Amino acid sequence: MKQLKALQILATLFFLSLTCGFYSPAALSFDWDKMQQKIEKYKAKKKELKAKKQQLDLATGKVSQKDEINIGRNVISGLLGAAPLVEDDRLQQYINEVGYWIALQSERPELPWTFGVINSPHVNAFASPGGFIVVTLGLYELLENESQLASILAHEISHVIEKHHLDAIQDTSKKEILGALAVKATSKKHREKMQRLVNSSVQIYARGLDKRFEYGADRRGVVLAARAGYDPYALLDVLMTLRSLGQEDTMAVFLNTHPPLKDRITVLEGLMDRHLHIEKIPHDNERLQTMNQSLGKKNTDG
């Protein structure tokens, strides 16, 4: 036992002699600054590779949901720059309640669905990628009941579900533009560049979507509204109301960016006669009329 303990002591001393002989304190010190630089370099490289992958995905038509939402958020900011939201919290809450309920019936309920009424006398509604939807005050004030509001929102929700505007932006934009729209603006220089890109993308709304997209959104919108418990015939009522306005100035942009109302009514009537065999659902006008009374009083007081 004593011999074994002595061997252990000798081995320990030998190890210590090797350590002291071959490794100086300077050699054992660690350069934290150098390591930090390497870490930062690695992070920058990783970020660069991620950005390049994102641009490649966008160029080849592969857009993640996160990118879609960022693109939509930037585009809707451009639309709101031209016409801000109506300053009525109750109205904005109301349209979000109706819109969100309909969106929950869709195939993409997880999107950050956001709805608003913008202060514009023109008759129109817009959908932006990622679930951002606005209705003009000019269109809202034409509505007679909540089912009609639901039919418009369901139509616009359908555009988002099918990624119609996202496809249009991809078709008309260079990959650099689409990639830039998919990120958040940080510096002032970046924000200025982003604004120019947003303005370019907003021009898509001035030209309008392919007509087949509009007919498709009419069909899907009717189904969505019905799923949510609203009158599926309400969209036809809205289209007929718009048709009765004729060539009024407030209808100019709408008429230039959508298929002829007569054709939309004919196509939709034919589809519903063949596939939808239910009677009209009674309208619930109470909430919409309350909102309109509040809005009218606010405009009078102003």
C-alpha atoms as a PDB file:
ATOM      1  CA  MET A   1       0.000   0.000   0.000  1.00  0.00           C
ATOM      2  CA  LYS A   2       2.839   2.362   0.933  1.00  0.00           C
ATOM      3  CA  GLN A   3       4.590   1.593  -2.385  1.00  0.00           C
ATOM      4  CA  LEU A   4       1.384   2.380  -4.344  1.00  0.00           C
ATOM      5  CA  LYS A   5       0.932   5.703  -2.577  1.00  0.00           C
ATOM      6  CA  ALA A   6       4.563   6.585  -3.293  1.00  0.00           C
ATOM      7  CA  LEU A   7       4.076   5.839  -6.993  1.00  0.00           C
ATOM      8  CA  GLN A   8       1.010   8.115  -7.058  1.00  0.00           C
ATOM      9  CA  ILE A   9       3.013  10.962  -5.504  1.00  0.00           C
ATOM     10  CA  LEU A  10       5.843  10.470  -8.010  1.00  0.00           C
ATOM     11  CA  ALA A  11       3.384  10.485 -10.919  1.00  0.00           C
ATOM     12  CA  THR A  12       1.811  13.718  -9.651  1.00  0.00           C
ATOM     13  CA  LEU A  13       5.194  15.400  -9.294  1.00  0.00           C
ATOM     14  CA  PHE A  14       6.194  14.258 -12.780  1.00  0.00           C
ATOM     15  CA  PHE A  15       2.993  15.726 -14.258  1.00  0.00           C
ATOM     16  CA  LEU A  16       3.557  19.019 -12.450  1.00  0.00           C
ATOM     17  CA  SER A  17       7.124  19.202 -13.706  1.00  0.00           C
ATOM     18  CA  LEU A  18       5.954  18.698 -17.285  1.00  0.00           C
ATOM     19  CA  THR A  19       3.294  21.382 -16.924  1.00  0.00           C
ATOM     20  CA  CYS A  20       5.660  23.931 -15.418  1.00  0.00           C
ATOM     21  CA  GLY A  21       8.368  23.112 -17.883  1.00  0.00           C
ATOM     22  CA  PHE A  22       6.493  23.254 -21.127  1.00  0.00           C
ATOM     23  CA  TYR A  23       3.557  25.694 -20.550  1.00  0.00           C
ATOM     24  CA  SER A  24       4.141  29.247 -19.481  1.00  0.00           C
ATOM     25  CA  PRO A  25       1.397  31.452 -17.954  1.00  0.00           C
ATOM     26  CA  ALA A  26       1.293  33.459 -21.209  1.00  0.00           C
ATOM     27  CA  ALA A  27       0.577  30.327 -23.210  1.00  0.00           C
ATOM     28  CA  LEU A  28      -2.237  29.374 -20.850  1.00  0.00           C
ATOM     29  CA  SER A  29      -3.970  32.814 -21.139  1.00  0.00           C
ATOM     30  CA  PHE A  30      -7.073  33.148 -23.397  1.00  0.00           C
ATOM     31  CA  ASP A  31      -7.605  35.983 -25.919  1.00  0.00           C
ATOM     32  CA  TRP A  32     -11.281  36.842 -25.326  1.00  0.00           C
ATOM     33  CA  ASP A  33     -11.234  39.828 -27.702  1.00  0.00           C
ATOM     34  CA  LYS A  34     -10.029  37.660 -30.552  1.00  0.00           C
ATOM     35  CA  MET A  35     -12.675  35.060 -29.807  1.00  0.00           C
ATOM     36  CA  GLN A  36     -15.373  37.776 -29.715  1.00  0.00           C
ATOM     37  CA  GLN A  37     -14.268  39.033 -33.133  1.00  0.00           C
ATOM     38  CA  LYS A  38     -14.533  35.518 -34.528  1.00  0.00           C
ATOM     39  CA  ILE A  39     -18.028  35.140 -33.079  1.00  0.00           C
ATOM     40  CA  GLU A  40     -19.160  38.463 -34.585  1.00  0.00           C
ATOM     41  CA  LYS A  41     -17.662  37.498 -37.936  1.00  0.00           C
ATOM     42  CA  TYR A  42     -19.515  34.202 -37.809  1.00  0.00           C
ATOM     43  CA  LYS A  43     -22.802  35.953 -36.983  1.00  0.00           C
ATOM     44  CA  ALA A  44     -22.362  38.409 -39.857  1.00  0.00           C
ATOM     45  CA  LYS A  45     -21.621  35.569 -42.275  1.00  0.00           C
ATOM     46  CA  LYS A  46     -24.664  33.646 -41.071  1.00  0.00           C
ATOM     47  CA  LYS A  47     -26.850  36.735 -41.512  1.00  0.00           C
ATOM     48  CA  GLU A  48     -25.460  37.285 -45.018  1.00  0.00           C
ATOM     49  CA  LEU A  49     -26.165  33.675 -46.005  1.00  0.00           C
ATOM     50  CA  LYS A  50     -29.682  33.938 -44.601  1.00  0.00           C
ATOM     51  CA  ALA A  51     -30.341  37.105 -46.631  1.00  0.00           C
ATOM     52  CA  LYS A  52     -29.032  35.471 -49.805  1.00  0.00           C
ATOM     53  CA  LYS A  53     -31.226  32.420 -49.204  1.00  0.00           C
ATOM     54  CA  GLN A  54     -34.229  34.700 -48.679  1.00  0.00           C
ATOM     55  CA  GLN A  55     -33.555  36.525 -51.944  1.00  0.00           C
ATOM     56  CA  LEU A  56     -33.138  33.216 -53.759  1.00  0.00           C
ATOM     57  CA  ASP A  57     -36.414  31.916 -52.326  1.00  0.00           C
ATOM     58  CA  LEU A  58     -38.229  35.119 -53.292  1.00  0.00           C
ATOM     59  CA  ALA A  59     -36.751  35.039 -56.794  1.00  0.00           C
ATOM     60  CA  THR A  60     -37.932  31.465 -57.300  1.00  0.00           C
ATOM     61  CA  GLY A  61     -41.408  32.172 -55.951  1.00  0.00           C
ATOM     62  CA  LYS A  62     -40.907  30.631 -52.519  1.00  0.00           C
ATOM     63  CA  VAL A  63     -42.138  33.239 -50.044  1.00  0.00           C
ATOM     64  CA  SER A  64     -42.360  32.312 -46.366  1.00  0.00           C
ATOM     65  CA  GLN A  65     -45.346  33.412 -44.342  1.00  0.00           C
ATOM     66  CA  LYS A  66     -43.096  35.751 -42.342  1.00  0.00           C
ATOM     67  CA  ASP A  67     -41.891  37.401 -45.560  1.00  0.00           C
ATOM     68  CA  GLU A  68     -45.457  37.619 -46.855  1.00  0.00           C
ATOM     69  CA  ILE A  69     -46.558  39.428 -43.699  1.00  0.00           C
ATOM     70  CA  ASN A  70     -43.634  41.874 -43.862  1.00  0.00           C
ATOM     71  CA  ILE A  71     -44.351  42.593 -47.538  1.00  0.00           C
ATOM     72  CA  GLY A  72     -48.017  43.176 -46.766  1.00  0.00           C
ATOM     73  CA  ARG A  73     -47.249  45.413 -43.805  1.00  0.00           C
ATOM     74  CA  ASN A  74     -44.986  47.605 -45.937  1.00  0.00           C
ATOM     75  CA  VAL A  75     -47.472  47.766 -48.817  1.00  0.00           C
ATOM     76  CA  ILE A  76     -50.439  48.643 -46.596  1.00  0.00           C
ATOM     77  CA  SER A  77     -48.389  51.464 -45.063  1.00  0.00           C
ATOM     78  CA  GLY A  78     -48.182  52.962 -48.548  1.00  0.00           C
ATOM     79  CA  LEU A  79     -51.950  52.747 -48.964  1.00  0.00           C
ATOM     80  CA  LEU A  80     -52.517  54.347 -45.562  1.00  0.00           C
ATOM     81  CA  GLY A  81     -50.135  57.120 -46.548  1.00  0.00           C
ATOM     82  CA  ALA A  82     -52.595  58.104 -49.273  1.00  0.00           C
ATOM     83  CA  ALA A  83     -55.690  57.773 -47.071  1.00  0.00           C
ATOM     84  CA  PRO A  84     -55.436  57.420 -43.266  1.00  0.00           C
ATOM     85  CA  LEU A  85     -57.793  55.410 -41.091  1.00  0.00           C
ATOM     86  CA  VAL A  86     -61.065  57.019 -40.049  1.00  0.00           C
ATOM     87  CA  GLU A  87     -60.631  58.377 -36.511  1.00  0.00           C
ATOM     88  CA  ASP A  88     -63.380  56.325 -34.925  1.00  0.00           C
ATOM     89  CA  ASP A  89     -62.232  53.583 -32.551  1.00  0.00           C
ATOM     90  CA  ARG A  90     -65.649  51.928 -32.331  1.00  0.00           C
ATOM     91  CA  LEU A  91     -65.925  51.691 -36.106  1.00  0.00           C
ATOM     92  CA  GLN A  92     -62.434  50.213 -36.429  1.00  0.00           C
ATOM     93  CA  GLN A  93     -63.123  47.705 -33.659  1.00  0.00           C
ATOM     94  CA  TYR A  94     -66.415  46.754 -35.315  1.00  0.00           C
ATOM     95  CA  ILE A  95     -64.918  46.042 -38.743  1.00  0.00           C
ATOM     96  CA  ASN A  96     -62.131  44.008 -37.098  1.00  0.00           C
ATOM     97  CA  GLU A  97     -64.675  41.911 -35.202  1.00  0.00           C
ATOM     98  CA  VAL A  98     -66.634  41.126 -38.378  1.00  0.00           C
ATOM     99  CA  GLY A  99     -63.528  40.573 -40.508  1.00  0.00           C
ATOM    100  CA  TYR A 100     -61.690  38.410 -38.002  1.00  0.00           C
ATOM    101  CA  TRP A 101     -64.712  36.141 -37.540  1.00  0.00           C
ATOM    102  CA  ILE A 102     -64.889  35.560 -41.301  1.00  0.00           C
ATOM    103  CA  ALA A 103     -61.119  35.014 -41.534  1.00  0.00           C
ATOM    104  CA  LEU A 104     -61.390  32.292 -38.893  1.00  0.00           C
ATOM    105  CA  GLN A 105     -63.553  30.323 -41.339  1.00  0.00           C
ATOM    106  CA  SER A 106     -60.780  30.423 -43.963  1.00  0.00           C
ATOM    107  CA  GLU A 107     -57.833  28.124 -44.612  1.00  0.00           C
ATOM    108  CA  ARG A 108     -55.415  30.664 -43.114  1.00  0.00           C
ATOM    109  CA  PRO A 109     -56.821  31.704 -39.733  1.00  0.00           C
ATOM    110  CA  GLU A 110     -53.336  32.061 -38.238  1.00  0.00           C
ATOM    111  CA  LEU A 111     -52.448  35.210 -40.198  1.00  0.00           C
ATOM    112  CA  PRO A 112     -52.374  38.507 -38.247  1.00  0.00           C
ATOM    113  CA  TRP A 113     -55.683  39.610 -39.797  1.00  0.00           C
ATOM    114  CA  THR A 114     -56.174  43.355 -39.528  1.00  0.00           C
ATOM    115  CA  PHE A 115     -59.063  45.387 -40.935  1.00  0.00           C
ATOM    116  CA  GLY A 116     -59.779  49.090 -41.203  1.00  0.00           C
ATOM    117  CA  VAL A 117     -61.939  51.792 -42.747  1.00  0.00           C
ATOM    118  CA  ILE A 118     -59.868  54.478 -44.483  1.00  0.00           C
ATOM    119  CA  ASN A 119     -60.943  58.065 -44.908  1.00  0.00           C
ATOM    120  CA  SER A 120     -61.563  58.226 -48.643  1.00  0.00           C
ATOM    121  CA  PRO A 121     -64.772  59.168 -50.510  1.00  0.00           C
ATOM    122  CA  HIS A 122     -63.921  56.772 -53.333  1.00  0.00           C
ATOM    123  CA  VAL A 123     -65.699  53.423 -53.504  1.00  0.00           C
ATOM    124  CA  ASN A 124     -63.179  50.610 -53.093  1.00  0.00           C
ATOM    125  CA  ALA A 125     -61.560  47.996 -50.857  1.00  0.00           C
ATOM    126  CA  PHE A 126     -57.995  46.705 -50.787  1.00  0.00           C
ATOM    127  CA  ALA A 127     -56.244  43.568 -49.555  1.00  0.00           C
ATOM    128  CA  SER A 128     -52.528  43.382 -48.862  1.00  0.00           C
ATOM    129  CA  PRO A 129     -50.461  40.186 -48.474  1.00  0.00           C
ATOM    130  CA  GLY A 130     -50.353  38.750 -44.981  1.00  0.00           C
ATOM    131  CA  GLY A 131     -53.922  39.649 -43.972  1.00  0.00           C
ATOM    132  CA  PHE A 132     -54.148  43.474 -44.053  1.00  0.00           C
ATOM    133  CA  ILE A 133     -57.481  44.699 -45.460  1.00  0.00           C
ATOM    134  CA  VAL A 134     -59.036  48.163 -45.731  1.00  0.00           C
ATOM    135  CA  VAL A 135     -62.406  49.434 -46.953  1.00  0.00           C
ATOM    136  CA  THR A 136     -62.924  53.036 -48.012  1.00  0.00           C
ATOM    137  CA  LEU A 137     -65.428  55.177 -46.133  1.00  0.00           C
ATOM    138  CA  GLY A 138     -67.117  55.849 -49.483  1.00  0.00           C
ATOM    139  CA  LEU A 139     -67.896  52.150 -49.879  1.00  0.00           C
ATOM    140  CA  TYR A 140     -68.745  51.552 -46.234  1.00  0.00           C
ATOM    141  CA  GLU A 141     -71.404  54.287 -46.246  1.00  0.00           C
ATOM    142  CA  LEU A 142     -73.217  52.557 -49.130  1.00  0.00           C
ATOM    143  CA  LEU A 143     -73.820  49.389 -47.121  1.00  0.00           C
ATOM    144  CA  GLU A 144     -77.285  48.571 -45.846  1.00  0.00           C
ATOM    145  CA  ASN A 145     -76.546  45.698 -43.468  1.00  0.00           C
ATOM    146  CA  GLU A 146     -73.769  43.671 -41.851  1.00  0.00           C
ATOM    147  CA  SER A 147     -74.036  40.849 -44.383  1.00  0.00           C
ATOM    148  CA  GLN A 148     -73.047  43.297 -47.119  1.00  0.00           C
ATOM    149  CA  LEU A 149     -70.010  44.381 -45.113  1.00  0.00           C
ATOM    150  CA  ALA A 150     -69.178  40.710 -44.546  1.00  0.00           C
ATOM    151  CA  SER A 151     -69.439  39.976 -48.274  1.00  0.00           C
ATOM    152  CA  ILE A 152     -66.870  42.673 -49.108  1.00  0.00           C
ATOM    153  CA  LEU A 153     -64.471  41.543 -46.398  1.00  0.00           C
ATOM    154  CA  ALA A 154     -64.879  37.904 -47.467  1.00  0.00           C
ATOM    155  CA  HIS A 155     -64.011  38.884 -51.053  1.00  0.00           C
ATOM    156  CA  GLU A 156     -60.838  40.641 -49.899  1.00  0.00           C
ATOM    157  CA  ILE A 157     -59.938  37.811 -47.507  1.00  0.00           C
ATOM    158  CA  SER A 158     -60.164  35.465 -50.487  1.00  0.00           C
ATOM    159  CA  HIS A 159     -57.520  37.525 -52.311  1.00  0.00           C
ATOM    160  CA  VAL A 160     -55.176  37.047 -49.337  1.00  0.00           C
ATOM    161  CA  ILE A 161     -55.875  33.326 -49.037  1.00  0.00           C
ATOM    162  CA  GLU A 162     -55.051  32.797 -52.709  1.00  0.00           C
ATOM    163  CA  LYS A 163     -52.055  35.209 -52.520  1.00  0.00           C
ATOM    164  CA  HIS A 164     -53.321  37.150 -55.532  1.00  0.00           C
ATOM    165  CA  HIS A 165     -51.574  40.438 -54.696  1.00  0.00           C
ATOM    166  CA  LEU A 166     -48.384  38.651 -53.664  1.00  0.00           C
ATOM    167  CA  ASP A 167     -48.314  36.896 -57.045  1.00  0.00           C
ATOM    168  CA  ALA A 168     -48.941  40.224 -58.791  1.00  0.00           C
ATOM    169  CA  ILE A 169     -46.035  41.859 -56.935  1.00  0.00           C
ATOM    170  CA  GLN A 170     -43.787  38.937 -57.865  1.00  0.00           C
ATOM    171  CA  ASP A 171     -44.809  39.132 -61.504  1.00  0.00           C
ATOM    172  CA  THR A 172     -44.177  42.853 -61.821  1.00  0.00           C
ATOM    173  CA  SER A 173     -41.243  43.404 -59.463  1.00  0.00           C
ATOM    174  CA  LYS A 174     -37.598  42.515 -59.653  1.00  0.00           C
ATOM    175  CA  LYS A 175     -36.367  40.062 -57.047  1.00  0.00           C
ATOM    176  CA  GLU A 176     -34.402  42.848 -55.326  1.00  0.00           C
ATOM    177  CA  ILE A 177     -37.604  44.846 -54.799  1.00  0.00           C
ATOM    178  CA  LEU A 178     -39.514  41.889 -53.422  1.00  0.00           C
ATOM    179  CA  GLY A 179     -36.597  41.011 -51.147  1.00  0.00           C
ATOM    180  CA  ALA A 180     -36.379  44.562 -49.837  1.00  0.00           C
ATOM    181  CA  LEU A 181     -40.110  44.654 -49.138  1.00  0.00           C
ATOM    182  CA  ALA A 182     -39.784  41.507 -47.050  1.00  0.00           C
ATOM    183  CA  VAL A 183     -37.600  43.160 -44.401  1.00  0.00           C
ATOM    184  CA  LYS A 184     -38.258  45.859 -41.862  1.00  0.00           C
ATOM    185  CA  ALA A 185     -36.884  49.335 -42.514  1.00  0.00           C
ATOM    186  CA  THR A 186     -34.433  50.404 -39.814  1.00  0.00           C
ATOM    187  CA  SER A 187     -32.150  53.320 -40.731  1.00  0.00           C
ATOM    188  CA  LYS A 188     -33.417  56.580 -42.247  1.00  0.00           C
ATOM    189  CA  LYS A 189     -31.697  55.772 -45.542  1.00  0.00           C
ATOM    190  CA  HIS A 190     -33.304  52.343 -45.585  1.00  0.00           C
ATOM    191  CA  ARG A 191     -36.735  53.835 -44.820  1.00  0.00           C
ATOM    192  CA  GLU A 192     -36.425  56.280 -47.718  1.00  0.00           C
ATOM    193  CA  LYS A 193     -35.505  53.449 -50.077  1.00  0.00           C
ATOM    194  CA  MET A 194     -38.333  51.350 -48.687  1.00  0.00           C
ATOM    195  CA  GLN A 195     -40.825  54.148 -49.348  1.00  0.00           C
ATOM    196  CA  ARG A 196     -39.805  54.271 -53.014  1.00  0.00           C
ATOM    197  CA  LEU A 197     -40.259  50.508 -53.275  1.00  0.00           C
ATOM    198  CA  VAL A 198     -43.631  50.677 -51.537  1.00  0.00           C
ATOM    199  CA  ASN A 199     -44.792  53.372 -53.947  1.00  0.00           C
ATOM    200  CA  SER A 200     -43.765  51.129 -56.825  1.00  0.00           C
ATOM    201  CA  SER A 201     -45.750  48.203 -55.400  1.00  0.00           C
ATOM    202  CA  VAL A 202     -48.815  50.340 -54.689  1.00  0.00           C
ATOM    203  CA  GLN A 203     -49.056  50.996 -58.433  1.00  0.00           C
ATOM    204  CA  ILE A 204     -50.296  47.410 -58.732  1.00  0.00           C
ATOM    205  CA  TYR A 205     -53.462  48.519 -56.958  1.00  0.00           C
ATOM    206  CA  ALA A 206     -53.895  51.330 -59.465  1.00  0.00           C
ATOM    207  CA  ARG A 207     -53.731  48.814 -62.326  1.00  0.00           C
ATOM    208  CA  GLY A 208     -55.860  46.159 -60.688  1.00  0.00           C
ATOM    209  CA  LEU A 209     -55.574  42.376 -60.564  1.00  0.00           C
ATOM    210  CA  ASP A 210     -56.148  39.881 -63.328  1.00  0.00           C
ATOM    211  CA  LYS A 211     -59.907  39.583 -63.942  1.00  0.00           C
ATOM    212  CA  ARG A 212     -59.889  35.870 -63.190  1.00  0.00           C
ATOM    213  CA  PHE A 213     -58.655  36.669 -59.674  1.00  0.00           C
ATOM    214  CA  GLU A 214     -61.671  38.936 -59.105  1.00  0.00           C
ATOM    215  CA  TYR A 215     -64.155  36.314 -60.294  1.00  0.00           C
ATOM    216  CA  GLY A 216     -62.407  33.736 -58.113  1.00  0.00           C
ATOM    217  CA  ALA A 217     -62.591  36.008 -55.050  1.00  0.00           C
ATOM    218  CA  ASP A 218     -66.315  36.540 -55.693  1.00  0.00           C
ATOM    219  CA  ARG A 219     -66.917  32.781 -55.647  1.00  0.00           C
ATOM    220  CA  ARG A 220     -64.771  32.050 -52.605  1.00  0.00           C
ATOM    221  CA  GLY A 221     -66.060  35.124 -50.780  1.00  0.00           C
ATOM    222  CA  VAL A 222     -69.659  33.931 -51.035  1.00  0.00           C
ATOM    223  CA  VAL A 223     -68.660  30.596 -49.469  1.00  0.00           C
ATOM    224  CA  LEU A 224     -66.677  32.263 -46.675  1.00  0.00           C
ATOM    225  CA  ALA A 225     -69.512  34.646 -45.812  1.00  0.00           C
ATOM    226  CA  ALA A 226     -71.970  31.738 -45.693  1.00  0.00           C
ATOM    227  CA  ARG A 227     -69.623  29.745 -43.422  1.00  0.00           C
ATOM    228  CA  ALA A 228     -69.559  32.714 -41.059  1.00  0.00           C
ATOM    229  CA  GLY A 229     -73.376  32.754 -40.955  1.00  0.00           C
ATOM    230  CA  TYR A 230     -73.986  35.705 -43.269  1.00  0.00           C
ATOM    231  CA  ASP A 231     -76.320  35.970 -46.247  1.00  0.00           C
ATOM    232  CA  PRO A 232     -74.408  34.605 -49.280  1.00  0.00           C
ATOM    233  CA  TYR A 233     -76.567  36.717 -51.584  1.00  0.00           C
ATOM    234  CA  ALA A 234     -75.314  39.931 -49.959  1.00  0.00           C
ATOM    235  CA  LEU A 235     -72.418  40.296 -52.413  1.00  0.00           C
ATOM    236  CA  LEU A 236     -74.886  40.364 -55.297  1.00  0.00           C
ATOM    237  CA  ASP A 237     -76.777  43.123 -53.485  1.00  0.00           C
ATOM    238  CA  VAL A 238     -73.562  45.144 -53.148  1.00  0.00           C
ATOM    239  CA  LEU A 239     -72.628  44.664 -56.818  1.00  0.00           C
ATOM    240  CA  MET A 240     -76.102  45.789 -57.892  1.00  0.00           C
ATOM    241  CA  THR A 241     -75.851  48.872 -55.672  1.00  0.00           C
ATOM    242  CA  LEU A 242     -72.485  49.745 -57.223  1.00  0.00           C
ATOM    243  CA  ARG A 243     -73.888  49.211 -60.701  1.00  0.00           C
ATOM    244  CA  SER A 244     -76.670  51.697 -59.957  1.00  0.00           C
ATOM    245  CA  LEU A 245     -74.059  54.406 -59.282  1.00  0.00           C
ATOM    246  CA  GLY A 246     -73.025  54.368 -62.936  1.00  0.00           C
ATOM    247  CA  GLN A 247     -70.003  56.437 -63.881  1.00  0.00           C
ATOM    248  CA  GLU A 248     -69.771  58.646 -60.789  1.00  0.00           C
ATOM    249  CA  ASP A 249     -66.329  60.098 -60.023  1.00  0.00           C
ATOM    250  CA  THR A 250     -66.092  58.108 -56.796  1.00  0.00           C
ATOM    251  CA  MET A 251     -66.388  54.905 -58.862  1.00  0.00           C
ATOM    252  CA  ALA A 252     -63.637  55.728 -61.378  1.00  0.00           C
ATOM    253  CA  VAL A 253     -60.773  53.754 -59.814  1.00  0.00           C
ATOM    254  CA  PHE A 254     -63.009  50.811 -58.941  1.00  0.00           C
ATOM    255  CA  LEU A 255     -64.388  50.530 -62.470  1.00  0.00           C
ATOM    256  CA  ASN A 256     -60.879  50.743 -63.967  1.00  0.00           C
ATOM    257  CA  THR A 257     -59.464  48.011 -61.754  1.00  0.00           C
ATOM    258  CA  HIS A 258     -62.299  45.457 -61.736  1.00  0.00           C
ATOM    259  CA  PRO A 259     -64.235  43.485 -64.344  1.00  0.00           C
ATOM    260  CA  PRO A 260     -67.498  45.104 -65.538  1.00  0.00           C
ATOM    261  CA  LEU A 261     -70.141  44.914 -62.817  1.00  0.00           C
ATOM    262  CA  LYS A 262     -72.689  43.543 -65.260  1.00  0.00           C
ATOM    263  CA  ASP A 263     -70.409  40.577 -66.027  1.00  0.00           C
ATOM    264  CA  ARG A 264     -69.632  39.915 -62.360  1.00  0.00           C
ATOM    265  CA  ILE A 265     -73.333  39.909 -61.493  1.00  0.00           C
ATOM    266  CA  THR A 266     -74.193  37.576 -64.396  1.00  0.00           C
ATOM    267  CA  VAL A 267     -71.417  35.097 -63.561  1.00  0.00           C
ATOM    268  CA  LEU A 268     -72.147  35.091 -59.838  1.00  0.00           C
ATOM    269  CA  GLU A 269     -75.904  34.729 -60.321  1.00  0.00           C
ATOM    270  CA  GLY A 270     -75.320  31.749 -62.614  1.00  0.00           C
ATOM    271  CA  LEU A 271     -73.016  30.027 -60.130  1.00  0.00           C
ATOM    272  CA  MET A 272     -75.354  30.578 -57.200  1.00  0.00           C
ATOM    273  CA  ASP A 273     -78.414  29.378 -59.104  1.00  0.00           C
ATOM    274  CA  ARG A 274     -76.584  26.154 -59.949  1.00  0.00           C
ATOM    275  CA  HIS A 275     -74.812  25.464 -56.666  1.00  0.00           C
ATOM    276  CA  LEU A 276     -76.558  27.381 -53.875  1.00  0.00           C
ATOM    277  CA  HIS A 277     -80.092  26.278 -53.112  1.00  0.00           C
ATOM    278  CA  ILE A 278     -80.986  28.258 -50.010  1.00  0.00           C
ATOM    279  CA  GLU A 279     -83.198  31.216 -49.322  1.00  0.00           C
ATOM    280  CA  LYS A 280     -81.822  34.610 -48.378  1.00  0.00           C
ATOM    281  CA  ILE A 281     -80.788  34.841 -44.745  1.00  0.00           C
ATOM    282  CA  PRO A 282     -82.538  37.645 -42.801  1.00  0.00           C
ATOM    283  CA  HIS A 283     -80.219  40.597 -42.304  1.00  0.00           C
ATOM    284  CA  ASP A 284     -79.044  41.675 -38.875  1.00  0.00           C
ATOM    285  CA  ASN A 285     -78.862  45.438 -39.251  1.00  0.00           C
ATOM    286  CA  GLU A 286     -78.564  46.470 -35.628  1.00  0.00           C
ATOM    287  CA  ARG A 287     -74.767  46.686 -35.273  1.00  0.00           C
ATOM    288  CA  LEU A 288     -74.135  48.344 -38.635  1.00  0.00           C
ATOM    289  CA  GLN A 289     -76.944  50.874 -38.137  1.00  0.00           C
ATOM    290  CA  THR A 290     -75.589  51.736 -34.682  1.00  0.00           C
ATOM    291  CA  MET A 291     -72.152  52.336 -36.177  1.00  0.00           C
ATOM    292  CA  ASN A 292     -73.576  54.459 -38.974  1.00  0.00           C
ATOM    293  CA  GLN A 293     -75.563  56.595 -36.523  1.00  0.00           C
ATOM    294  CA  SER A 294     -72.419  57.127 -34.454  1.00  0.00           C
ATOM    295  CA  LEU A 295     -70.387  57.949 -37.561  1.00  0.00           C
ATOM    296  CA  GLY A 296     -73.060  60.339 -38.877  1.00  0.00           C
ATOM    297  CA  LYS A 297     -73.241  62.172 -35.563  1.00  0.00           C
ATOM    298  CA  LYS A 298     -69.456  62.485 -35.478  1.00  0.00           C
ATOM    299  CA  ASN A 299     -69.396  63.943 -39.015  1.00  0.00           C
ATOM    300  CA  THR A 300     -72.174  66.396 -38.089  1.00  0.00           C
ATOM    301  CA  ASP A 301     -70.397  67.501 -34.925  1.00  0.00           C
ATOM    302  CA  GLY A 302     -67.160  67.929 -36.920  1.00  0.00           C
END
